[in-house]
Protein backbone atom coordinates (compact mmCIF):
# COMPACT_ATOMS: atom_id res chain seq x y z
CA MET A 1 -11.18 20.35 8.34
CA THR A 2 -12.66 17.25 7.48
CA CYS A 3 -11.93 15.84 4.05
CA ARG A 4 -15.28 15.00 1.95
CA ALA A 5 -14.93 11.05 2.63
CA CYS A 6 -15.98 12.33 6.74
CA ARG A 7 -18.45 14.77 5.55
CA SER A 8 -20.80 11.95 3.39
CA ASP A 9 -19.97 9.77 6.25
CA LEU A 10 -18.65 6.80 4.38
CA ASP A 11 -15.96 4.33 5.35
CA HIS A 12 -12.40 5.72 4.64
CA CYS A 13 -9.13 6.01 5.71
CA HIS A 14 -6.84 8.50 5.30
CA GLY A 15 -3.85 6.49 5.39
CA THR A 16 -1.76 5.58 1.84
CA LEU A 17 -2.22 1.97 1.26
CA VAL A 18 1.14 0.41 0.38
CA VAL A 19 0.61 -2.74 -2.17
CA HIS A 20 3.93 -4.81 -1.68
CA ALA A 21 5.50 -7.48 -4.53
CA THR A 22 5.52 -10.76 -1.48
CA VAL A 23 3.87 -9.90 1.23
CA PRO A 24 0.49 -8.37 2.27
CA VAL A 25 -0.58 -4.61 1.35
CA GLU A 26 0.18 -2.42 4.53
CA CYS A 27 -1.72 1.24 5.70
CA THR A 28 0.75 4.01 6.83
CA GLU A 29 -3.02 4.36 8.97
CA PRO A 30 -1.63 2.93 12.07
CA ASP A 31 -5.48 2.27 13.49
CA CYS A 32 -6.41 1.16 9.61
CA PHE A 33 -8.21 -2.39 10.49
CA ASP A 34 -9.38 -2.75 6.70
CA THR A 35 -6.51 -3.03 4.21
CA SER A 36 -8.72 -2.95 0.90
CA ARG A 37 -8.27 -0.69 -1.78
CA VAL A 38 -11.54 0.43 -1.84
CA ARG A 39 -10.58 2.85 1.77
CA HIS A 40 -8.37 3.93 0.80
CA MET A 41 -7.67 7.75 -1.83
CA LEU A 42 -3.30 7.17 -1.91
CA VAL A 43 -2.06 4.08 -3.15
CA VAL A 44 0.97 3.40 -3.76
CA ASP A 45 3.61 0.14 -5.48
CA CYS A 46 6.37 -0.35 -2.84
CA SER A 47 9.27 0.06 -5.53
CA ASP A 48 8.22 3.99 -5.50
CA LEU A 49 9.25 4.46 -1.68
CA ALA A 50 11.40 6.82 -1.36
CA HIS A 51 13.42 4.12 0.73
CA GLY A 52 12.35 1.50 -2.14
CA CYS A 53 11.87 -2.27 -0.18
CA GLY A 54 13.04 -5.31 0.55
CA CYS A 55 10.01 -7.31 -0.79
CA THR A 56 10.57 -5.72 -3.88
CA GLU A 57 14.42 -6.79 -4.27
CA THR A 58 13.47 -10.45 -3.41
CA TYR A 59 10.87 -10.59 -6.17
CA VAL A 60 13.58 -9.08 -8.90
CA ARG A 61 15.77 -11.05 -7.18
CA VAL A 62 14.13 -14.44 -7.66
CA GLY A 63 12.09 -13.42 -11.14
CA THR A 64 15.75 -13.48 -12.07
CA LEU A 65 17.26 -17.02 -11.91
CA ARG A 66 13.98 -17.78 -13.17
CA VAL A 67 13.84 -15.90 -16.71
CA SER A 68 17.96 -16.94 -16.77
């Protein structure tokens, strides 16, 4: 079975693009070579990951210090 983008021969990735607060985006697909949003059907914020993300904790801690 192939996806619609595969059948249409469109440049795309089957992985999920993870957007981080303090580090570059990453893709869950190990062979992904281009992490642009237009290539990915699924884009999530790292704070929405099941076990969270260390960069979000760092961002919140730094942001809190600046506000105080």
